[in-house]
């Protein structure tokens, strides 16, 4: 994945806002949200909100640590007598984005601390 718009905003006051927008709009399949589930069993990445925790620069890359809030689901079997209907739960995980300062190639890593 390439975050060209984000790289172009590096060093400007708009950097964090653009980064948050790009992460919130990207295909959820590109993010490790399913692996970050703690309370539920499935997510489609809906209702995503991003918080920037830290931004550092070094070794030709911009490293951004983010907190991502999103919705997970516990689903029942969808049987008529199933006592566990679909329920949504709030989820949170921390994800690191390493953005190459030349190519904008970005690696995404789930942080498990």
C-alpha atoms as a PDB file:
ATOM      1  CA  UNK A   1       0.000   0.000   0.000  1.00  0.00           C
ATOM      2  CA  UNK A   2       1.197   3.519  -0.725  1.00  0.00           C
ATOM      3  CA  UNK A   3       0.145   6.548   1.299  1.00  0.00           C
ATOM      4  CA  UNK A   4       1.229   9.186  -1.219  1.00  0.00           C
ATOM      5  CA  UNK A   5      -1.164  11.879   0.021  1.00  0.00           C
ATOM      6  CA  UNK A   6       0.073  11.353   3.568  1.00  0.00           C
ATOM      7  CA  UNK A   7       3.726  11.519   2.508  1.00  0.00           C
ATOM      8  CA  UNK A   8       3.040  14.733   0.572  1.00  0.00           C
ATOM      9  CA  UNK A   9       1.539  16.238   3.740  1.00  0.00           C
ATOM     10  CA  UNK A  10       4.571  15.332   5.881  1.00  0.00           C
ATOM     11  CA  UNK A  11       5.929  18.402   7.658  1.00  0.00           C
ATOM     12  CA  UNK A  12       2.711  20.383   7.311  1.00  0.00           C
ATOM     13  CA  UNK A  13       0.130  21.178   9.988  1.00  0.00           C
ATOM     14  CA  UNK A  14      -2.383  19.026   8.072  1.00  0.00           C
ATOM     15  CA  UNK A  15      -0.324  15.808   8.316  1.00  0.00           C
ATOM     16  CA  UNK A  16      -2.184  14.171  11.195  1.00  0.00           C
ATOM     17  CA  UNK A  17      -5.645  15.082   9.868  1.00  0.00           C
ATOM     18  CA  UNK A  18      -4.799  13.697   6.423  1.00  0.00           C
ATOM     19  CA  UNK A  19      -3.324  10.523   7.913  1.00  0.00           C
ATOM     20  CA  UNK A  20      -6.399   9.938  10.091  1.00  0.00           C
ATOM     21  CA  UNK A  21      -8.696  10.491   7.105  1.00  0.00           C
ATOM     22  CA  UNK A  22      -6.714   8.100   4.885  1.00  0.00           C
ATOM     23  CA  UNK A  23      -6.743   5.332   7.523  1.00  0.00           C
ATOM     24  CA  UNK A  24     -10.455   5.779   8.235  1.00  0.00           C
ATOM     25  CA  UNK A  25     -11.281   5.582   4.511  1.00  0.00           C
ATOM     26  CA  UNK A  26      -9.002   2.712   3.457  1.00  0.00           C
ATOM     27  CA  UNK A  27     -10.265  -0.796   2.841  1.00  0.00           C
ATOM     28  CA  UNK A  28     -10.525  -2.525   6.224  1.00  0.00           C
ATOM     29  CA  UNK A  29      -8.921  -5.634   4.716  1.00  0.00           C
ATOM     30  CA  UNK A  30      -5.631  -3.692   4.570  1.00  0.00           C
ATOM     31  CA  UNK A  31      -5.648  -3.262   8.349  1.00  0.00           C
ATOM     32  CA  UNK A  32      -5.060  -5.960  11.003  1.00  0.00           C
ATOM     33  CA  UNK A  33      -8.390  -5.280  12.687  1.00  0.00           C
ATOM     34  CA  UNK A  34      -9.559  -8.894  12.709  1.00  0.00           C
ATOM     35  CA  UNK A  35      -6.327  -9.941  14.431  1.00  0.00           C
ATOM     36  CA  UNK A  36      -6.765  -7.119  16.965  1.00  0.00           C
ATOM     37  CA  UNK A  37     -10.153  -8.277  18.238  1.00  0.00           C
ATOM     38  CA  UNK A  38     -10.292  -8.731  22.010  1.00  0.00           C
ATOM     39  CA  UNK A  39     -14.009  -9.016  22.815  1.00  0.00           C
ATOM     40  CA  UNK A  40     -15.746 -10.159  19.659  1.00  0.00           C
ATOM     41  CA  UNK A  41     -15.300 -12.698  16.893  1.00  0.00           C
ATOM     42  CA  UNK A  42     -15.667 -10.744  13.641  1.00  0.00           C
ATOM     43  CA  UNK A  43     -15.269  -7.239  12.268  1.00  0.00           C
ATOM     44  CA  UNK A  44     -15.890  -5.581   8.954  1.00  0.00           C
ATOM     45  CA  UNK A  45     -13.962  -2.518  10.139  1.00  0.00           C
ATOM     46  CA  UNK A  46     -17.084  -0.381  10.394  1.00  0.00           C
ATOM     47  CA  UNK A  47     -17.274   2.749  12.523  1.00  0.00           C
ATOM     48  CA  UNK A  48     -13.505   3.203  12.490  1.00  0.00           C
ATOM     49  CA  UNK A  49     -11.965   6.123  14.328  1.00  0.00           C
ATOM     50  CA  UNK A  50      -8.222   6.774  14.460  1.00  0.00           C
ATOM     51  CA  UNK A  51      -6.171   8.404  17.196  1.00  0.00           C
ATOM     52  CA  UNK A  52      -2.544   9.373  16.520  1.00  0.00           C
ATOM     53  CA  UNK A  53      -0.402   8.294  19.488  1.00  0.00           C
ATOM     54  CA  UNK A  54       3.063   9.205  18.211  1.00  0.00           C
ATOM     55  CA  UNK A  55       4.935  10.180  15.053  1.00  0.00           C
ATOM     56  CA  UNK A  56       8.687   9.750  14.625  1.00  0.00           C
ATOM     57  CA  UNK A  57      11.063  10.104  11.702  1.00  0.00           C
ATOM     58  CA  UNK A  58      14.224   8.142  11.079  1.00  0.00           C
ATOM     59  CA  UNK A  59      16.071   5.735   8.792  1.00  0.00           C
ATOM     60  CA  UNK A  60      14.177   6.991   5.745  1.00  0.00           C
ATOM     61  CA  UNK A  61      10.743   6.300   7.172  1.00  0.00           C
ATOM     62  CA  UNK A  62       7.963   8.007   9.041  1.00  0.00           C
ATOM     63  CA  UNK A  63       6.754   5.752  11.868  1.00  0.00           C
ATOM     64  CA  UNK A  64       3.260   6.415  13.155  1.00  0.00           C
ATOM     65  CA  UNK A  65       1.733   4.649  16.132  1.00  0.00           C
ATOM     66  CA  UNK A  66      -2.050   4.807  16.088  1.00  0.00           C
ATOM     67  CA  UNK A  67      -4.954   3.640  18.183  1.00  0.00           C
ATOM     68  CA  UNK A  68      -7.919   2.436  16.150  1.00  0.00           C
ATOM     69  CA  UNK A  69     -11.412   2.242  17.618  1.00  0.00           C
ATOM     70  CA  UNK A  70     -13.873   0.110  15.650  1.00  0.00           C
ATOM     71  CA  UNK A  71     -16.853  -2.211  15.933  1.00  0.00           C
ATOM     72  CA  UNK A  72     -16.659  -5.968  16.373  1.00  0.00           C
ATOM     73  CA  UNK A  73     -19.515  -8.433  16.371  1.00  0.00           C
ATOM     74  CA  UNK A  74     -20.477 -11.616  18.132  1.00  0.00           C
ATOM     75  CA  UNK A  75     -22.868 -13.417  15.887  1.00  0.00           C
ATOM     76  CA  UNK A  76     -25.286 -16.199  16.627  1.00  0.00           C
ATOM     77  CA  UNK A  77     -26.267 -18.940  14.230  1.00  0.00           C
ATOM     78  CA  UNK A  78     -29.247 -16.947  12.903  1.00  0.00           C
ATOM     79  CA  UNK A  79     -31.629 -19.723  13.884  1.00  0.00           C
ATOM     80  CA  UNK A  80     -35.156 -18.778  14.878  1.00  0.00           C
ATOM     81  CA  UNK A  81     -34.596 -20.003  18.440  1.00  0.00           C
ATOM     82  CA  UNK A  82     -31.032 -18.683  18.806  1.00  0.00           C
ATOM     83  CA  UNK A  83     -30.837 -16.734  22.090  1.00  0.00           C
ATOM     84  CA  UNK A  84     -27.711 -14.854  20.974  1.00  0.00           C
ATOM     85  CA  UNK A  85     -28.678 -12.318  18.339  1.00  0.00           C
ATOM     86  CA  UNK A  86     -26.032 -10.302  16.509  1.00  0.00           C
ATOM     87  CA  UNK A  87     -24.480  -7.841  18.930  1.00  0.00           C
ATOM     88  CA  UNK A  88     -21.878  -5.152  18.356  1.00  0.00           C
ATOM     89  CA  UNK A  89     -19.010  -4.440  20.721  1.00  0.00           C
ATOM     90  CA  UNK A  90     -16.481  -1.640  20.852  1.00  0.00           C
ATOM     91  CA  UNK A  91     -12.967  -2.776  19.933  1.00  0.00           C
ATOM     92  CA  UNK A  92      -9.574  -1.073  20.101  1.00  0.00           C
ATOM     93  CA  UNK A  93      -6.130  -2.007  18.842  1.00  0.00           C
ATOM     94  CA  UNK A  94      -2.833  -0.246  18.274  1.00  0.00           C
ATOM     95  CA  UNK A  95      -1.349  -0.289  14.796  1.00  0.00           C
ATOM     96  CA  UNK A  96       1.967   1.011  13.518  1.00  0.00           C
ATOM     97  CA  UNK A  97       2.375   2.476  10.040  1.00  0.00           C
ATOM     98  CA  UNK A  98       5.889   2.717   8.573  1.00  0.00           C
ATOM     99  CA  UNK A  99       5.825   5.057   5.568  1.00  0.00           C
ATOM    100  CA  UNK A 100       8.888   5.065   3.287  1.00  0.00           C
ATOM    101  CA  UNK A 101       9.873   8.698   2.733  1.00  0.00           C
ATOM    102  CA  UNK A 102      10.819   8.138  -0.906  1.00  0.00           C
ATOM    103  CA  UNK A 103       8.255   5.689  -2.289  1.00  0.00           C
ATOM    104  CA  UNK A 104       5.362   6.127   0.200  1.00  0.00           C
ATOM    105  CA  UNK A 105       5.262   2.311   0.491  1.00  0.00           C
ATOM    106  CA  UNK A 106       3.634   1.603   3.809  1.00  0.00           C
ATOM    107  CA  UNK A 107       3.821  -1.414   6.075  1.00  0.00           C
ATOM    108  CA  UNK A 108       1.151  -1.965   8.686  1.00  0.00           C
ATOM    109  CA  UNK A 109       1.852  -3.844  11.923  1.00  0.00           C
ATOM    110  CA  UNK A 110      -0.486  -4.797  14.748  1.00  0.00           C
ATOM    111  CA  UNK A 111       1.167  -3.845  18.042  1.00  0.00           C
ATOM    112  CA  UNK A 112       0.691  -6.320  20.860  1.00  0.00           C
ATOM    113  CA  UNK A 113       2.117  -4.776  23.994  1.00  0.00           C
END
